[in-house]
Amino acid sequence: MEIPKVKLVPTPETQEAKEIVGYKWNPIAGTRHFLGGKPDALGETEYPCCDSCKKPMTFYAQIDSIGDNYDLADCMVIHNFVCFDCFSVKAFLTQTNTL
C-alpha cells in the first residue's frame, strides 16, 4: 500500500524553536519532512518486513534533521514504517541527497 504524499512544513511556535530550525550551510537539509509517498534514497526492496507477520511494511513518514544544533549524523533523515496488519512500527536513519 502507498499512502499519498503530504509535505510537512515546520512551524516553530516560540523564538527558541525558531532559532533551531534550519541550516546555515545547507538549504535543503531540514526541509525533507513528509508523510506517505516514497522515501528519499530507498527503494521498495529496502523496506523492512514486520517482525510479527513477515509482510513488507508501509512507508509512513520521513522526518528530516531539524537544524545545525540537532543534526542527525550529517543531515540524515528518519524513515518510519508501519504494518497495517499488526500495527507494529520500525524506524531507521538514512543518508539522502542534501546538496
N, C-alpha and C. Protein backbone atom coordinates (compact mmCIF):
# COMPACT_ATOMS: atom_id res chain seq x y z
N MET A 1 0.85 -1.17 0.00
CA MET A 1 0.00 0.00 0.00
C MET A 1 0.90 1.24 0.00
N GLU A 2 0.53 2.25 -0.76
CA GLU A 2 1.24 3.52 -0.72
C GLU A 2 0.29 4.62 -0.28
N ILE A 3 0.69 5.34 0.72
CA ILE A 3 -0.07 6.48 1.22
C ILE A 3 0.25 7.68 0.33
N PRO A 4 -0.72 8.50 -0.07
CA PRO A 4 -0.41 9.70 -0.85
C PRO A 4 0.53 10.62 -0.06
N LYS A 5 1.45 11.26 -0.77
CA LYS A 5 2.45 12.12 -0.13
C LYS A 5 1.84 13.43 0.37
N VAL A 6 2.18 13.77 1.62
CA VAL A 6 1.74 15.01 2.25
C VAL A 6 2.99 15.70 2.79
N LYS A 7 3.35 16.83 2.22
CA LYS A 7 4.53 17.60 2.66
C LYS A 7 4.26 18.19 4.05
N LEU A 8 5.26 18.13 4.91
CA LEU A 8 5.18 18.73 6.24
C LEU A 8 6.12 19.93 6.30
N VAL A 9 5.63 21.03 6.83
CA VAL A 9 6.44 22.24 6.94
C VAL A 9 6.52 22.62 8.41
N PRO A 10 7.75 22.68 8.97
CA PRO A 10 7.88 23.06 10.38
C PRO A 10 7.36 24.47 10.64
N THR A 11 6.60 24.62 11.71
CA THR A 11 6.12 25.94 12.11
C THR A 11 6.44 26.14 13.59
N PRO A 12 7.67 26.54 13.88
CA PRO A 12 8.05 26.74 15.28
C PRO A 12 7.18 27.81 15.94
N GLU A 13 6.78 27.54 17.17
CA GLU A 13 5.84 28.43 17.85
C GLU A 13 6.49 29.37 18.87
N THR A 14 7.76 29.15 19.17
CA THR A 14 8.44 30.04 20.12
C THR A 14 9.72 30.56 19.46
N GLN A 15 10.26 31.62 20.02
CA GLN A 15 11.51 32.15 19.49
C GLN A 15 12.63 31.12 19.63
N GLU A 16 12.65 30.42 20.74
CA GLU A 16 13.66 29.38 20.95
C GLU A 16 13.59 28.32 19.85
N ALA A 17 12.38 27.89 19.51
CA ALA A 17 12.20 26.89 18.45
C ALA A 17 12.59 27.46 17.08
N LYS A 18 12.26 28.71 16.81
CA LYS A 18 12.63 29.34 15.53
C LYS A 18 14.14 29.36 15.34
N GLU A 19 14.87 29.51 16.42
CA GLU A 19 16.34 29.61 16.34
C GLU A 19 17.02 28.29 16.04
N ILE A 20 16.35 27.16 16.23
CA ILE A 20 17.00 25.86 15.98
C ILE A 20 16.65 25.24 14.64
N VAL A 21 15.68 25.80 13.92
CA VAL A 21 15.24 25.22 12.65
C VAL A 21 16.12 25.72 11.51
N GLY A 22 16.61 24.78 10.70
CA GLY A 22 17.37 25.13 9.51
C GLY A 22 18.87 25.05 9.68
N TYR A 23 19.54 25.13 8.54
CA TYR A 23 20.99 25.04 8.48
C TYR A 23 21.57 26.31 7.88
N LYS A 24 22.71 26.73 8.40
CA LYS A 24 23.38 27.91 7.86
C LYS A 24 24.07 27.59 6.54
N TRP A 25 24.49 26.34 6.35
CA TRP A 25 25.32 25.96 5.22
C TRP A 25 24.62 25.06 4.20
N ASN A 26 23.39 24.64 4.47
CA ASN A 26 22.72 23.68 3.59
C ASN A 26 21.25 24.05 3.44
N PRO A 27 20.83 24.54 2.27
CA PRO A 27 19.44 24.98 2.09
C PRO A 27 18.42 23.85 1.97
N ILE A 28 18.86 22.61 1.74
CA ILE A 28 17.93 21.50 1.54
C ILE A 28 17.67 20.75 2.84
N ALA A 29 18.75 20.46 3.58
CA ALA A 29 18.59 19.73 4.84
C ALA A 29 17.65 20.50 5.76
N GLY A 30 16.80 19.77 6.44
CA GLY A 30 15.81 20.39 7.31
C GLY A 30 14.48 20.69 6.63
N THR A 31 14.37 20.38 5.33
CA THR A 31 13.14 20.67 4.58
C THR A 31 12.50 19.40 4.00
N ARG A 32 13.05 18.23 4.30
CA ARG A 32 12.61 16.99 3.64
C ARG A 32 11.64 16.18 4.50
N HIS A 33 10.72 16.84 5.20
CA HIS A 33 9.74 16.17 6.04
C HIS A 33 8.48 15.89 5.23
N PHE A 34 7.96 14.67 5.30
CA PHE A 34 6.67 14.39 4.66
C PHE A 34 6.07 13.09 5.17
N LEU A 35 4.77 12.95 4.97
CA LEU A 35 4.03 11.72 5.25
C LEU A 35 3.74 11.05 3.92
N GLY A 36 3.73 9.71 3.92
CA GLY A 36 3.35 8.97 2.72
C GLY A 36 4.31 9.15 1.56
N GLY A 37 3.85 8.77 0.39
CA GLY A 37 4.69 8.83 -0.80
C GLY A 37 5.77 7.77 -0.76
N LYS A 38 6.91 8.10 -1.36
CA LYS A 38 8.06 7.20 -1.37
C LYS A 38 9.22 7.88 -0.64
N PRO A 39 9.93 7.15 0.19
CA PRO A 39 11.04 7.75 0.92
C PRO A 39 12.20 8.12 0.00
N ASP A 40 12.88 9.20 0.32
CA ASP A 40 14.09 9.57 -0.41
C ASP A 40 15.15 8.50 -0.17
N ALA A 41 15.86 8.13 -1.21
CA ALA A 41 17.05 7.26 -1.15
C ALA A 41 16.78 5.81 -0.76
N LEU A 42 15.53 5.36 -0.79
CA LEU A 42 15.22 3.96 -0.50
C LEU A 42 14.28 3.42 -1.56
N GLY A 43 14.59 2.22 -2.04
CA GLY A 43 13.68 1.54 -2.95
C GLY A 43 12.76 0.62 -2.16
N GLU A 44 11.67 0.20 -2.76
CA GLU A 44 10.72 -0.68 -2.06
C GLU A 44 11.35 -1.99 -1.61
N THR A 45 12.38 -2.46 -2.30
CA THR A 45 13.04 -3.69 -1.89
C THR A 45 13.81 -3.51 -0.57
N GLU A 46 14.03 -2.25 -0.17
CA GLU A 46 14.73 -1.96 1.08
C GLU A 46 13.79 -1.71 2.26
N TYR A 47 12.48 -1.74 2.01
CA TYR A 47 11.51 -1.56 3.09
C TYR A 47 11.64 -2.74 4.06
N PRO A 48 11.52 -2.48 5.35
CA PRO A 48 11.60 -3.58 6.31
C PRO A 48 10.35 -4.45 6.27
N CYS A 49 10.48 -5.67 6.79
CA CYS A 49 9.34 -6.56 6.97
C CYS A 49 8.92 -6.55 8.43
N CYS A 50 7.66 -6.76 8.65
CA CYS A 50 7.11 -6.81 10.00
C CYS A 50 7.69 -8.01 10.75
N ASP A 51 8.11 -7.82 11.97
CA ASP A 51 8.64 -8.92 12.77
C ASP A 51 7.57 -9.96 13.09
N SER A 52 6.31 -9.53 13.19
CA SER A 52 5.23 -10.45 13.56
C SER A 52 4.70 -11.25 12.38
N CYS A 53 4.26 -10.57 11.32
CA CYS A 53 3.63 -11.27 10.20
C CYS A 53 4.55 -11.49 9.01
N LYS A 54 5.74 -10.88 9.04
CA LYS A 54 6.76 -11.03 8.00
C LYS A 54 6.40 -10.38 6.66
N LYS A 55 5.33 -9.59 6.61
CA LYS A 55 4.95 -8.89 5.38
C LYS A 55 5.74 -7.59 5.28
N PRO A 56 5.95 -7.09 4.03
CA PRO A 56 6.61 -5.80 3.88
C PRO A 56 5.78 -4.71 4.56
N MET A 57 6.49 -3.79 5.21
CA MET A 57 5.80 -2.70 5.91
C MET A 57 5.53 -1.55 4.94
N THR A 58 4.63 -0.66 5.31
CA THR A 58 4.27 0.51 4.52
C THR A 58 5.08 1.71 4.99
N PHE A 59 5.66 2.43 4.02
CA PHE A 59 6.35 3.67 4.36
C PHE A 59 5.32 4.67 4.88
N TYR A 60 5.58 5.27 6.03
CA TYR A 60 4.62 6.18 6.65
C TYR A 60 5.09 7.63 6.68
N ALA A 61 6.38 7.85 7.02
CA ALA A 61 6.84 9.24 7.14
C ALA A 61 8.35 9.34 7.03
N GLN A 62 8.79 10.49 6.57
CA GLN A 62 10.21 10.83 6.57
C GLN A 62 10.35 12.11 7.37
N ILE A 63 11.18 12.07 8.40
CA ILE A 63 11.41 13.24 9.24
C ILE A 63 12.88 13.63 9.09
N ASP A 64 13.11 14.85 8.69
CA ASP A 64 14.45 15.34 8.43
C ASP A 64 15.12 15.80 9.72
N SER A 65 16.43 16.00 9.64
CA SER A 65 17.15 16.64 10.73
C SER A 65 16.53 18.02 10.96
N ILE A 66 16.63 18.53 12.16
CA ILE A 66 16.00 19.82 12.48
C ILE A 66 16.84 21.01 12.03
N GLY A 67 18.12 20.96 12.36
CA GLY A 67 19.00 22.07 12.03
C GLY A 67 20.38 21.82 12.59
N ASP A 68 21.23 22.83 12.50
CA ASP A 68 22.63 22.70 12.92
C ASP A 68 22.80 22.14 14.32
N ASN A 69 21.97 22.55 15.26
CA ASN A 69 22.13 22.13 16.65
C ASN A 69 21.54 20.75 16.95
N TYR A 70 20.69 20.24 16.07
CA TYR A 70 20.06 18.93 16.28
C TYR A 70 20.18 18.08 15.02
N ASP A 71 21.36 18.08 14.45
CA ASP A 71 21.64 17.35 13.23
C ASP A 71 21.71 15.85 13.50
N LEU A 72 21.14 15.06 12.62
CA LEU A 72 21.16 13.60 12.74
C LEU A 72 22.27 13.03 11.87
N ALA A 73 23.43 12.83 12.44
CA ALA A 73 24.54 12.15 11.75
C ALA A 73 24.76 12.68 10.34
N ASP A 74 25.10 13.93 10.21
CA ASP A 74 25.39 14.57 8.92
C ASP A 74 24.15 14.63 8.02
N CYS A 75 23.10 15.22 8.53
CA CYS A 75 21.87 15.52 7.77
C CYS A 75 21.09 14.28 7.33
N MET A 76 21.07 13.26 8.14
CA MET A 76 20.28 12.08 7.81
C MET A 76 18.80 12.35 8.09
N VAL A 77 17.94 11.48 7.56
CA VAL A 77 16.51 11.55 7.83
C VAL A 77 16.08 10.27 8.55
N ILE A 78 14.97 10.36 9.27
CA ILE A 78 14.39 9.18 9.92
C ILE A 78 13.28 8.66 9.01
N HIS A 79 13.40 7.42 8.57
CA HIS A 79 12.34 6.79 7.78
C HIS A 79 11.51 5.93 8.72
N ASN A 80 10.20 6.14 8.69
CA ASN A 80 9.26 5.46 9.57
C ASN A 80 8.35 4.55 8.76
N PHE A 81 8.20 3.31 9.21
CA PHE A 81 7.37 2.32 8.53
C PHE A 81 6.36 1.74 9.51
N VAL A 82 5.21 1.31 8.99
CA VAL A 82 4.17 0.71 9.82
C VAL A 82 3.61 -0.53 9.12
N CYS A 83 3.22 -1.51 9.92
CA CYS A 83 2.49 -2.67 9.41
C CYS A 83 1.02 -2.42 9.73
N PHE A 84 0.19 -2.29 8.71
CA PHE A 84 -1.23 -2.03 8.95
C PHE A 84 -2.00 -3.28 9.35
N ASP A 85 -1.34 -4.45 9.32
CA ASP A 85 -1.97 -5.67 9.82
C ASP A 85 -1.74 -5.82 11.32
N CYS A 86 -0.51 -5.58 11.75
CA CYS A 86 -0.12 -5.80 13.16
C CYS A 86 0.03 -4.50 13.96
N PHE A 87 0.09 -3.38 13.26
CA PHE A 87 0.33 -2.07 13.85
C PHE A 87 1.63 -2.00 14.63
N SER A 88 2.64 -2.67 14.08
CA SER A 88 3.99 -2.51 14.61
C SER A 88 4.69 -1.46 13.75
N VAL A 89 5.73 -0.87 14.29
CA VAL A 89 6.45 0.18 13.58
C VAL A 89 7.95 -0.08 13.62
N LYS A 90 8.63 0.48 12.63
CA LYS A 90 10.10 0.46 12.58
C LYS A 90 10.55 1.81 12.05
N ALA A 91 11.71 2.24 12.53
CA ALA A 91 12.30 3.48 12.05
C ALA A 91 13.81 3.31 11.98
N PHE A 92 14.41 3.97 10.99
CA PHE A 92 15.87 3.97 10.90
C PHE A 92 16.36 5.20 10.19
N LEU A 93 17.64 5.53 10.42
CA LEU A 93 18.27 6.68 9.81
C LEU A 93 18.81 6.31 8.43
N THR A 94 18.66 7.23 7.47
CA THR A 94 19.16 7.01 6.12
C THR A 94 19.79 8.29 5.62
N GLN A 95 20.90 8.16 4.91
CA GLN A 95 21.53 9.31 4.28
C GLN A 95 20.85 9.56 2.94
N THR A 96 20.44 10.80 2.70
CA THR A 96 19.84 11.17 1.42
C THR A 96 20.64 12.31 0.82
N ASN A 97 20.28 12.70 -0.38
CA ASN A 97 20.96 13.80 -1.05
C ASN A 97 20.62 15.11 -0.34
N THR A 98 21.66 15.85 0.05
CA THR A 98 21.43 17.09 0.80
C THR A 98 21.92 18.32 0.07
N LEU A 99 22.55 18.18 -1.06
CA LEU A 99 23.00 19.37 -1.83
C LEU A 99 22.76 19.16 -3.30
